[in-house]
Amino acid sequence: TAVVMPRIGAVPQNIVVGDSLIIPTFEVSNSVEWKLTFVRDARFNIVERALEKLAESFVRAEEKAGWDTIRGGIHAGNTVTTAETTLSRKLFNQLITDTRAEGASEPNVIFVSPRLASDIRDWGAADLDDQTRRDVFKAGGMGSIYGVNIREPRSLAHNEVFMFDTSKLGVMPIRSKMQTFDKPDSINRLR
């Protein structure tokens, strides 16, 4: 089976496939506008900020679609239930062990919420050796522990942790580059 996102905001679909799969693609679009006086007065920093926010909106939309697809593909056999309330070294080790025990998976990246990433930064001398603690401190908690790279996306809920073997992940098909279009009447008014 394959889990796909048919469009933005839709429920992920579980598709049973044979030897091939056609992944539905969808358009991600947004708009941004600014006053023509900003351009006339050469306040290009306002325009640059608006374009940065536009690009960020695409990243947020793609990230949301990706995490919704991942959440839709999780089944009970791939989850760890624990009484731990923090991401302790013991729980981190349990996640690695359970991922390896599932099959031929070798976890190499963990995505943790910002709140749980702070738990890693709180690990003490009893949890990590001095060099590893220094590396975690220098990287702001975004380093590597036990060969597993730590990533801290802001889009995860406070108690979410996902561990992956990235050699087994799918891809997000992107068929065209980002395109921007000017509103014709705005250009005429500027002239």
N, C-alpha and C. Protein backbone atom coordinates (compact mmCIF):
# COMPACT_ATOMS: atom_id res chain seq x y z
N THR A 1 0.84 -1.19 0.00
CA THR A 1 0.00 0.00 0.00
C THR A 1 0.87 1.24 0.00
N ALA A 2 0.30 2.34 -0.44
CA ALA A 2 0.99 3.63 -0.44
C ALA A 2 0.01 4.66 0.11
N VAL A 3 0.52 5.59 0.90
CA VAL A 3 -0.29 6.68 1.43
C VAL A 3 0.08 7.92 0.64
N VAL A 4 -0.92 8.56 0.04
CA VAL A 4 -0.67 9.76 -0.77
C VAL A 4 -1.59 10.88 -0.32
N MET A 5 -1.17 12.11 -0.56
CA MET A 5 -1.98 13.30 -0.28
C MET A 5 -2.58 13.76 -1.61
N PRO A 6 -3.91 13.62 -1.81
CA PRO A 6 -4.50 13.96 -3.10
C PRO A 6 -4.51 15.46 -3.40
N ARG A 7 -4.63 16.30 -2.37
CA ARG A 7 -4.60 17.76 -2.55
C ARG A 7 -4.41 18.40 -1.18
N ILE A 8 -4.08 19.67 -1.17
CA ILE A 8 -3.87 20.39 0.08
C ILE A 8 -5.16 20.39 0.90
N GLY A 9 -5.05 20.03 2.16
CA GLY A 9 -6.20 20.03 3.05
C GLY A 9 -7.05 18.77 2.98
N ALA A 10 -6.72 17.85 2.08
CA ALA A 10 -7.50 16.62 1.95
C ALA A 10 -7.03 15.59 2.96
N VAL A 11 -7.81 14.55 3.11
CA VAL A 11 -7.44 13.44 3.97
C VAL A 11 -6.49 12.53 3.18
N PRO A 12 -5.37 12.10 3.79
CA PRO A 12 -4.47 11.20 3.07
C PRO A 12 -5.20 9.92 2.65
N GLN A 13 -4.87 9.43 1.45
CA GLN A 13 -5.52 8.23 0.93
C GLN A 13 -4.55 7.06 0.97
N ASN A 14 -5.08 5.92 1.33
CA ASN A 14 -4.32 4.69 1.35
C ASN A 14 -4.64 3.94 0.06
N ILE A 15 -3.67 3.80 -0.82
CA ILE A 15 -3.88 3.19 -2.13
C ILE A 15 -3.18 1.84 -2.17
N VAL A 16 -3.91 0.82 -2.56
CA VAL A 16 -3.32 -0.50 -2.74
C VAL A 16 -2.82 -0.58 -4.17
N VAL A 17 -1.57 -0.93 -4.33
CA VAL A 17 -0.95 -0.92 -5.66
C VAL A 17 -0.39 -2.29 -6.01
N GLY A 18 -0.13 -2.44 -7.28
CA GLY A 18 0.54 -3.65 -7.75
C GLY A 18 2.00 -3.34 -7.96
N ASP A 19 2.43 -3.31 -9.21
CA ASP A 19 3.83 -3.06 -9.49
C ASP A 19 4.10 -1.61 -9.90
N SER A 20 3.05 -0.77 -9.97
CA SER A 20 3.27 0.63 -10.30
C SER A 20 2.24 1.50 -9.57
N LEU A 21 2.56 2.78 -9.46
CA LEU A 21 1.70 3.71 -8.74
C LEU A 21 1.78 5.07 -9.42
N ILE A 22 0.62 5.66 -9.67
CA ILE A 22 0.58 7.02 -10.19
C ILE A 22 0.19 7.92 -9.02
N ILE A 23 1.08 8.83 -8.67
CA ILE A 23 0.86 9.71 -7.53
C ILE A 23 0.14 10.96 -8.01
N PRO A 24 -1.01 11.28 -7.40
CA PRO A 24 -1.71 12.49 -7.80
C PRO A 24 -0.90 13.72 -7.37
N THR A 25 -0.81 14.69 -8.26
CA THR A 25 -0.12 15.94 -7.92
C THR A 25 -1.15 17.04 -7.78
N PHE A 26 -0.78 18.08 -7.09
CA PHE A 26 -1.69 19.20 -6.90
C PHE A 26 -0.87 20.48 -6.92
N GLU A 27 -1.56 21.55 -7.20
CA GLU A 27 -0.91 22.85 -7.28
C GLU A 27 -0.90 23.49 -5.91
N VAL A 28 0.23 24.07 -5.55
CA VAL A 28 0.34 24.84 -4.32
C VAL A 28 0.47 26.29 -4.76
N SER A 29 -0.49 27.13 -4.38
CA SER A 29 -0.45 28.51 -4.83
C SER A 29 -0.74 29.46 -3.67
N ASN A 30 -0.34 30.69 -3.86
CA ASN A 30 -0.57 31.73 -2.88
C ASN A 30 -0.39 33.07 -3.57
N SER A 31 -0.70 34.13 -2.89
CA SER A 31 -0.49 35.45 -3.49
C SER A 31 0.03 36.40 -2.43
N VAL A 32 0.66 37.44 -2.91
CA VAL A 32 1.16 38.50 -2.04
C VAL A 32 0.99 39.82 -2.77
N GLU A 33 0.73 40.86 -2.03
CA GLU A 33 0.57 42.16 -2.67
C GLU A 33 1.17 43.23 -1.78
N TRP A 34 1.47 44.36 -2.40
CA TRP A 34 1.98 45.51 -1.67
C TRP A 34 1.53 46.76 -2.39
N LYS A 35 1.61 47.86 -1.70
CA LYS A 35 1.18 49.13 -2.30
C LYS A 35 2.18 49.57 -3.36
N LEU A 36 1.68 50.15 -4.41
CA LEU A 36 2.55 50.64 -5.47
C LEU A 36 3.45 51.77 -5.00
N THR A 37 3.02 52.46 -3.96
CA THR A 37 3.87 53.55 -3.44
C THR A 37 5.19 53.01 -2.90
N PHE A 38 5.19 51.78 -2.40
CA PHE A 38 6.45 51.18 -1.93
C PHE A 38 7.45 51.05 -3.06
N VAL A 39 6.96 50.64 -4.23
CA VAL A 39 7.84 50.49 -5.40
C VAL A 39 8.27 51.87 -5.90
N ARG A 40 7.31 52.79 -5.97
CA ARG A 40 7.61 54.13 -6.43
C ARG A 40 8.64 54.83 -5.54
N ASP A 41 8.54 54.59 -4.22
CA ASP A 41 9.46 55.21 -3.27
C ASP A 41 10.73 54.39 -3.06
N ALA A 42 10.91 53.35 -3.87
CA ALA A 42 12.09 52.47 -3.81
C ALA A 42 12.25 51.81 -2.45
N ARG A 43 11.14 51.44 -1.85
CA ARG A 43 11.21 50.71 -0.57
C ARG A 43 11.19 49.21 -0.87
N PHE A 44 12.25 48.78 -1.51
CA PHE A 44 12.32 47.39 -1.97
C PHE A 44 12.45 46.40 -0.83
N ASN A 45 12.83 46.88 0.36
CA ASN A 45 12.90 45.97 1.50
C ASN A 45 11.51 45.43 1.85
N ILE A 46 10.47 46.25 1.66
CA ILE A 46 9.09 45.79 1.91
C ILE A 46 8.73 44.71 0.90
N VAL A 47 9.08 44.92 -0.35
CA VAL A 47 8.79 43.95 -1.41
C VAL A 47 9.56 42.66 -1.16
N GLU A 48 10.84 42.77 -0.78
CA GLU A 48 11.65 41.57 -0.49
C GLU A 48 11.07 40.78 0.66
N ARG A 49 10.62 41.48 1.72
CA ARG A 49 10.01 40.78 2.85
C ARG A 49 8.72 40.07 2.44
N ALA A 50 7.93 40.71 1.59
CA ALA A 50 6.69 40.09 1.11
C ALA A 50 7.00 38.84 0.30
N LEU A 51 8.04 38.89 -0.54
CA LEU A 51 8.41 37.71 -1.34
C LEU A 51 8.98 36.60 -0.45
N GLU A 52 9.71 36.96 0.62
CA GLU A 52 10.19 35.94 1.57
C GLU A 52 9.02 35.25 2.24
N LYS A 53 8.02 36.03 2.66
CA LYS A 53 6.83 35.44 3.28
C LYS A 53 6.08 34.54 2.30
N LEU A 54 6.06 34.91 1.03
CA LEU A 54 5.43 34.09 0.00
C LEU A 54 6.15 32.74 -0.09
N ALA A 55 7.48 32.78 -0.16
CA ALA A 55 8.25 31.53 -0.24
C ALA A 55 8.04 30.69 1.01
N GLU A 56 8.01 31.32 2.19
CA GLU A 56 7.78 30.58 3.43
C GLU A 56 6.41 29.93 3.45
N SER A 57 5.41 30.58 2.86
CA SER A 57 4.07 29.99 2.83
C SER A 57 4.05 28.70 2.02
N PHE A 58 4.85 28.64 0.94
CA PHE A 58 4.94 27.40 0.16
C PHE A 58 5.58 26.30 0.97
N VAL A 59 6.63 26.64 1.69
CA VAL A 59 7.32 25.64 2.52
C VAL A 59 6.37 25.12 3.59
N ARG A 60 5.62 26.02 4.24
CA ARG A 60 4.67 25.59 5.28
C ARG A 60 3.59 24.68 4.70
N ALA A 61 3.07 25.02 3.51
CA ALA A 61 2.02 24.20 2.89
C ALA A 61 2.55 22.82 2.53
N GLU A 62 3.76 22.76 1.95
CA GLU A 62 4.34 21.47 1.59
C GLU A 62 4.65 20.65 2.84
N GLU A 63 5.16 21.32 3.88
CA GLU A 63 5.49 20.62 5.12
C GLU A 63 4.23 20.05 5.78
N LYS A 64 3.16 20.84 5.80
CA LYS A 64 1.90 20.36 6.38
C LYS A 64 1.37 19.15 5.61
N ALA A 65 1.41 19.23 4.27
CA ALA A 65 0.96 18.10 3.46
C ALA A 65 1.81 16.86 3.73
N GLY A 66 3.11 17.05 3.86
CA GLY A 66 4.00 15.93 4.14
C GLY A 66 3.72 15.28 5.48
N TRP A 67 3.60 16.10 6.54
CA TRP A 67 3.33 15.53 7.87
C TRP A 67 1.94 14.90 7.94
N ASP A 68 0.95 15.49 7.27
CA ASP A 68 -0.38 14.87 7.25
C ASP A 68 -0.33 13.50 6.57
N THR A 69 0.47 13.39 5.51
CA THR A 69 0.61 12.11 4.81
C THR A 69 1.30 11.09 5.71
N ILE A 70 2.34 11.52 6.41
CA ILE A 70 3.06 10.62 7.32
C ILE A 70 2.13 10.16 8.44
N ARG A 71 1.40 11.09 9.04
CA ARG A 71 0.47 10.71 10.12
C ARG A 71 -0.60 9.75 9.61
N GLY A 72 -1.04 9.95 8.36
CA GLY A 72 -2.05 9.07 7.79
C GLY A 72 -1.54 7.67 7.51
N GLY A 73 -0.23 7.52 7.37
CA GLY A 73 0.35 6.22 7.07
C GLY A 73 0.80 5.43 8.29
N ILE A 74 0.65 6.00 9.47
CA ILE A 74 1.10 5.32 10.69
C ILE A 74 0.04 4.31 11.14
N HIS A 75 0.49 3.13 11.45
CA HIS A 75 -0.42 2.16 12.05
C HIS A 75 0.13 1.77 13.42
N ALA A 76 -0.71 1.13 14.22
CA ALA A 76 -0.38 0.86 15.62
C ALA A 76 0.93 0.10 15.80
N GLY A 77 1.29 -0.73 14.83
CA GLY A 77 2.52 -1.50 14.95
C GLY A 77 3.78 -0.65 14.83
N ASN A 78 3.62 0.56 14.34
CA ASN A 78 4.78 1.44 14.17
C ASN A 78 4.84 2.55 15.21
N THR A 79 4.14 2.39 16.31
CA THR A 79 4.15 3.41 17.35
C THR A 79 4.73 2.84 18.64
N VAL A 80 5.29 3.72 19.43
CA VAL A 80 5.83 3.32 20.74
C VAL A 80 4.97 3.99 21.80
N THR A 81 4.41 3.18 22.68
CA THR A 81 3.63 3.70 23.80
C THR A 81 4.49 3.62 25.04
N THR A 82 4.57 4.72 25.76
CA THR A 82 5.45 4.76 26.91
C THR A 82 4.85 5.62 28.01
N ALA A 83 5.32 5.41 29.22
CA ALA A 83 4.90 6.22 30.36
C ALA A 83 5.81 7.44 30.52
N GLU A 84 6.87 7.52 29.71
CA GLU A 84 7.80 8.66 29.78
C GLU A 84 7.07 9.95 29.39
N THR A 85 7.35 11.01 30.10
CA THR A 85 6.75 12.31 29.77
C THR A 85 7.76 13.25 29.11
N THR A 86 9.01 12.84 29.06
CA THR A 86 10.05 13.63 28.41
C THR A 86 10.80 12.74 27.44
N LEU A 87 11.56 13.34 26.57
CA LEU A 87 12.39 12.57 25.65
C LEU A 87 13.72 12.30 26.36
N SER A 88 13.70 11.28 27.17
CA SER A 88 14.89 10.91 27.94
C SER A 88 15.83 10.07 27.08
N ARG A 89 17.02 9.86 27.57
CA ARG A 89 17.98 9.01 26.87
C ARG A 89 17.42 7.59 26.74
N LYS A 90 16.71 7.14 27.77
CA LYS A 90 16.12 5.80 27.76
C LYS A 90 15.08 5.68 26.64
N LEU A 91 14.21 6.69 26.50
CA LEU A 91 13.19 6.67 25.45
C LEU A 91 13.83 6.79 24.07
N PHE A 92 14.84 7.64 23.93
CA PHE A 92 15.56 7.79 22.67
C PHE A 92 16.14 6.44 22.25
N ASN A 93 16.75 5.74 23.18
CA ASN A 93 17.31 4.41 22.91
C ASN A 93 16.22 3.41 22.55
N GLN A 94 15.07 3.50 23.24
CA GLN A 94 13.95 2.59 22.95
C GLN A 94 13.43 2.81 21.53
N LEU A 95 13.36 4.06 21.10
CA LEU A 95 12.91 4.36 19.75
C LEU A 95 13.84 3.75 18.71
N ILE A 96 15.14 3.88 18.92
CA ILE A 96 16.11 3.29 18.00
C ILE A 96 15.97 1.78 17.97
N THR A 97 15.88 1.17 19.15
CA THR A 97 15.77 -0.28 19.25
C THR A 97 14.51 -0.80 18.58
N ASP A 98 13.37 -0.14 18.83
CA ASP A 98 12.11 -0.58 18.24
C ASP A 98 12.11 -0.41 16.72
N THR A 99 12.73 0.66 16.23
CA THR A 99 12.81 0.87 14.78
C THR A 99 13.64 -0.22 14.13
N ARG A 100 14.74 -0.58 14.76
CA ARG A 100 15.58 -1.65 14.22
C ARG A 100 14.88 -3.00 14.31
N ALA A 101 14.12 -3.22 15.36
CA ALA A 101 13.45 -4.50 15.56
C ALA A 101 12.31 -4.72 14.57
N GLU A 102 11.76 -3.65 13.99
CA GLU A 102 10.65 -3.75 13.04
C GLU A 102 11.05 -4.46 11.75
N GLY A 103 12.30 -4.47 11.44
CA GLY A 103 12.73 -5.08 10.19
C GLY A 103 14.13 -4.63 9.86
N ALA A 104 14.34 -4.43 8.60
CA ALA A 104 15.68 -4.05 8.13
C ALA A 104 15.84 -2.53 8.10
N SER A 105 15.25 -1.85 9.07
CA SER A 105 15.35 -0.41 9.13
C SER A 105 16.50 0.02 10.02
N GLU A 106 17.26 0.97 9.54
CA GLU A 106 18.35 1.54 10.32
C GLU A 106 18.04 3.03 10.47
N PRO A 107 17.50 3.44 11.64
CA PRO A 107 17.09 4.84 11.79
C PRO A 107 18.29 5.78 11.68
N ASN A 108 18.11 6.84 10.89
CA ASN A 108 19.21 7.80 10.76
C ASN A 108 18.75 9.24 10.96
N VAL A 109 17.47 9.47 11.19
CA VAL A 109 16.99 10.83 11.48
C VAL A 109 15.78 10.74 12.41
N ILE A 110 15.74 11.68 13.35
CA ILE A 110 14.60 11.78 14.25
C ILE A 110 14.08 13.21 14.19
N PHE A 111 12.76 13.34 14.05
CA PHE A 111 12.12 14.64 14.04
C PHE A 111 11.40 14.78 15.38
N VAL A 112 11.74 15.81 16.12
CA VAL A 112 11.15 16.03 17.45
C VAL A 112 10.58 17.43 17.52
N SER A 113 9.55 17.58 18.33
CA SER A 113 8.95 18.91 18.53
C SER A 113 9.94 19.78 19.30
N PRO A 114 9.80 21.09 19.20
CA PRO A 114 10.70 21.98 19.95
C PRO A 114 10.69 21.70 21.45
N ARG A 115 9.55 21.35 22.00
CA ARG A 115 9.48 21.07 23.44
C ARG A 115 10.29 19.82 23.79
N LEU A 116 10.20 18.78 22.96
CA LEU A 116 10.97 17.57 23.24
C LEU A 116 12.45 17.75 22.92
N ALA A 117 12.76 18.62 21.96
CA ALA A 117 14.17 18.91 21.68
C ALA A 117 14.83 19.56 22.89
N SER A 118 14.06 20.34 23.64
CA SER A 118 14.62 20.96 24.84
C SER A 118 14.97 19.89 25.88
N ASP A 119 14.26 18.76 25.88
CA ASP A 119 14.61 17.67 26.79
C ASP A 119 16.00 17.12 26.48
N ILE A 120 16.32 17.03 25.20
CA ILE A 120 17.65 16.54 24.81
C ILE A 120 18.72 17.50 25.30
N ARG A 121 18.46 18.79 25.19
CA ARG A 121 19.43 19.78 25.65
C ARG A 121 19.61 19.73 27.17
N ASP A 122 18.65 19.15 27.88
CA ASP A 122 18.75 19.02 29.34
C ASP A 122 19.48 17.76 29.78
N TRP A 123 19.82 16.87 28.84
CA TRP A 123 20.53 15.67 29.24
C TRP A 123 21.83 16.06 29.92
N GLY A 124 22.15 15.37 31.00
CA GLY A 124 23.33 15.71 31.78
C GLY A 124 24.51 14.78 31.52
N ALA A 125 25.49 14.87 32.42
CA ALA A 125 26.71 14.08 32.29
C ALA A 125 26.43 12.58 32.41
N ALA A 126 25.36 12.23 33.12
CA ALA A 126 25.02 10.81 33.26
C ALA A 126 24.43 10.24 31.97
N ASP A 127 23.93 11.12 31.08
CA ASP A 127 23.29 10.68 29.85
C ASP A 127 24.23 10.66 28.66
N LEU A 128 25.12 11.64 28.58
CA LEU A 128 26.02 11.77 27.43
C LEU A 128 27.44 12.06 27.89
N ASP A 129 28.40 11.60 27.11
CA ASP A 129 29.78 11.93 27.43
C ASP A 129 30.03 13.41 27.13
N ASP A 130 31.14 13.93 27.63
CA ASP A 130 31.42 15.36 27.50
C ASP A 130 31.48 15.83 26.05
N GLN A 131 32.11 15.06 25.18
CA GLN A 131 32.24 15.47 23.78
C GLN A 131 30.88 15.55 23.09
N THR A 132 30.02 14.54 23.31
CA THR A 132 28.70 14.54 22.70
C THR A 132 27.85 15.68 23.24
N ARG A 133 27.91 15.91 24.56
CA ARG A 133 27.17 17.03 25.15
C ARG A 133 27.64 18.35 24.56
N ARG A 134 28.95 18.48 24.35
CA ARG A 134 29.50 19.70 23.74
C ARG A 134 28.96 19.86 22.32
N ASP A 135 28.93 18.75 21.55
CA ASP A 135 28.41 18.81 20.19
C ASP A 135 26.93 19.20 20.16
N VAL A 136 26.14 18.63 21.08
CA VAL A 136 24.72 18.96 21.17
C VAL A 136 24.56 20.42 21.56
N PHE A 137 25.39 20.89 22.50
CA PHE A 137 25.32 22.28 22.94
C PHE A 137 25.66 23.23 21.80
N LYS A 138 26.74 22.92 21.06
CA LYS A 138 27.15 23.78 19.95
C LYS A 138 26.11 23.80 18.84
N ALA A 139 25.46 22.67 18.59
CA ALA A 139 24.48 22.58 17.52
C ALA A 139 23.09 23.00 17.98
N GLY A 140 22.94 23.41 19.23
CA GLY A 140 21.63 23.83 19.73
C GLY A 140 20.64 22.68 19.80
N GLY A 141 21.13 21.46 20.01
CA GLY A 141 20.26 20.30 20.07
C GLY A 141 19.99 19.68 18.72
N MET A 142 20.63 20.20 17.67
CA MET A 142 20.36 19.73 16.32
C MET A 142 21.51 18.91 15.77
N GLY A 143 22.23 18.25 16.62
CA GLY A 143 23.37 17.46 16.18
C GLY A 143 22.97 16.04 15.85
N SER A 144 23.83 15.12 16.24
CA SER A 144 23.62 13.70 15.98
C SER A 144 23.96 12.93 17.25
N ILE A 145 23.08 12.03 17.64
CA ILE A 145 23.31 11.18 18.82
C ILE A 145 23.08 9.74 18.40
N TYR A 146 24.01 8.88 18.72
CA TYR A 146 23.97 7.46 18.34
C TYR A 146 23.83 7.28 16.83
N GLY A 147 24.37 8.21 16.07
CA GLY A 147 24.29 8.13 14.61
C GLY A 147 22.95 8.56 14.03
N VAL A 148 22.09 9.12 14.87
CA VAL A 148 20.76 9.57 14.43
C VAL A 148 20.76 11.09 14.44
N ASN A 149 20.53 11.70 13.28
CA ASN A 149 20.49 13.15 13.17
C ASN A 149 19.19 13.68 13.76
N ILE A 150 19.29 14.76 14.52
CA ILE A 150 18.13 15.34 15.19
C ILE A 150 17.65 16.55 14.40
N ARG A 151 16.35 16.56 14.07
CA ARG A 151 15.73 17.68 13.38
C ARG A 151 14.58 18.19 14.23
N GLU A 152 14.38 19.49 14.22
CA GLU A 152 13.39 20.12 15.10
C GLU A 152 12.43 21.01 14.31
N PRO A 153 11.50 20.41 13.55
CA PRO A 153 10.53 21.25 12.82
C PRO A 153 9.51 21.85 13.77
N ARG A 154 9.11 23.07 13.50
CA ARG A 154 8.14 23.74 14.37
C ARG A 154 6.72 23.24 14.14
N SER A 155 6.50 22.47 13.10
CA SER A 155 5.14 22.06 12.75
C SER A 155 4.65 20.82 13.50
N LEU A 156 5.47 20.25 14.37
CA LEU A 156 5.04 19.08 15.13
C LEU A 156 4.35 19.50 16.42
N ALA A 157 3.41 18.66 16.86
CA ALA A 157 2.75 18.89 18.14
C ALA A 157 3.76 18.68 19.27
N HIS A 158 3.44 19.17 20.45
CA HIS A 158 4.39 19.16 21.55
C HIS A 158 4.89 17.77 21.95
N ASN A 159 4.10 16.74 21.73
CA ASN A 159 4.49 15.40 22.16
C ASN A 159 4.85 14.47 21.01
N GLU A 160 5.10 15.02 19.81
CA GLU A 160 5.36 14.17 18.65
C GLU A 160 6.84 13.95 18.41
N VAL A 161 7.15 12.69 18.11
CA VAL A 161 8.50 12.28 17.74
C VAL A 161 8.35 11.29 16.59
N PHE A 162 9.11 11.50 15.52
CA PHE A 162 9.10 10.59 14.39
C PHE A 162 10.53 10.19 14.09
N MET A 163 10.77 8.88 13.96
CA MET A 163 12.10 8.37 13.63
C MET A 163 12.00 7.64 12.30
N PHE A 164 12.97 7.90 11.40
CA PHE A 164 12.90 7.35 10.06
C PHE A 164 14.23 6.74 9.63
N ASP A 165 14.10 5.80 8.72
CA ASP A 165 15.22 5.34 7.91
C ASP A 165 14.99 6.03 6.57
N THR A 166 15.73 7.11 6.31
CA THR A 166 15.44 7.94 5.14
C THR A 166 15.72 7.24 3.81
N SER A 167 16.43 6.13 3.85
CA SER A 167 16.64 5.39 2.60
C SER A 167 15.34 4.72 2.14
N LYS A 168 14.31 4.70 3.00
CA LYS A 168 13.05 4.04 2.66
C LYS A 168 11.89 5.02 2.52
N LEU A 169 12.18 6.33 2.52
CA LEU A 169 11.11 7.32 2.39
C LEU A 169 10.76 7.54 0.93
N GLY A 170 9.55 7.99 0.69
CA GLY A 170 9.12 8.37 -0.64
C GLY A 170 9.58 9.79 -0.95
N VAL A 171 9.07 10.33 -2.02
CA VAL A 171 9.45 11.68 -2.43
C VAL A 171 8.21 12.51 -2.70
N MET A 172 8.37 13.83 -2.65
CA MET A 172 7.30 14.73 -3.02
C MET A 172 7.53 15.15 -4.46
N PRO A 173 6.65 14.75 -5.37
CA PRO A 173 6.89 15.10 -6.77
C PRO A 173 6.64 16.59 -7.02
N ILE A 174 7.65 17.28 -7.49
CA ILE A 174 7.51 18.69 -7.84
C ILE A 174 7.81 18.78 -9.33
N ARG A 175 6.79 19.13 -10.10
CA ARG A 175 6.94 19.10 -11.55
C ARG A 175 7.36 20.42 -12.15
N SER A 176 7.18 21.52 -11.45
CA SER A 176 7.56 22.80 -12.04
C SER A 176 8.14 23.71 -10.96
N LYS A 177 8.95 24.64 -11.40
CA LYS A 177 9.54 25.62 -10.49
C LYS A 177 8.48 26.62 -10.08
N MET A 178 8.77 27.36 -9.02
CA MET A 178 7.87 28.40 -8.58
C MET A 178 7.78 29.49 -9.65
N GLN A 179 6.56 29.90 -9.95
CA GLN A 179 6.34 30.94 -10.95
C GLN A 179 5.64 32.11 -10.29
N THR A 180 6.03 33.30 -10.66
CA THR A 180 5.34 34.49 -10.17
C THR A 180 4.77 35.25 -11.35
N PHE A 181 3.62 35.85 -11.13
CA PHE A 181 2.94 36.60 -12.17
C PHE A 181 2.59 37.98 -11.63
N ASP A 182 2.82 39.00 -12.43
CA ASP A 182 2.43 40.35 -12.07
C ASP A 182 1.00 40.58 -12.52
N LYS A 183 0.31 41.38 -11.75
CA LYS A 183 -1.05 41.76 -12.11
C LYS A 183 -0.96 42.85 -13.18
N PRO A 184 -1.46 42.61 -14.39
CA PRO A 184 -1.25 43.56 -15.50
C PRO A 184 -1.71 44.99 -15.21
N ASP A 185 -2.86 45.14 -14.55
CA ASP A 185 -3.34 46.50 -14.31
C ASP A 185 -2.47 47.25 -13.31
N SER A 186 -1.78 46.54 -12.40
CA SER A 186 -0.87 47.19 -11.47
C SER A 186 0.33 47.77 -12.20
N ILE A 187 0.85 47.04 -13.17
CA ILE A 187 2.00 47.53 -13.94
C ILE A 187 1.60 48.76 -14.74
N ASN A 188 0.43 48.75 -15.35
CA ASN A 188 -0.04 49.91 -16.13
C ASN A 188 -0.21 51.13 -15.23
N ARG A 189 -0.74 50.92 -14.03
CA ARG A 189 -0.93 52.05 -13.12
C ARG A 189 0.42 52.60 -12.66
N LEU A 190 1.43 51.73 -12.48
CA LEU A 190 2.75 52.17 -12.07
C LEU A 190 3.39 53.02 -13.14
N ARG A 191 3.22 52.64 -14.41
CA ARG A 191 3.77 53.44 -15.52
C ARG A 191 3.13 54.81 -15.54
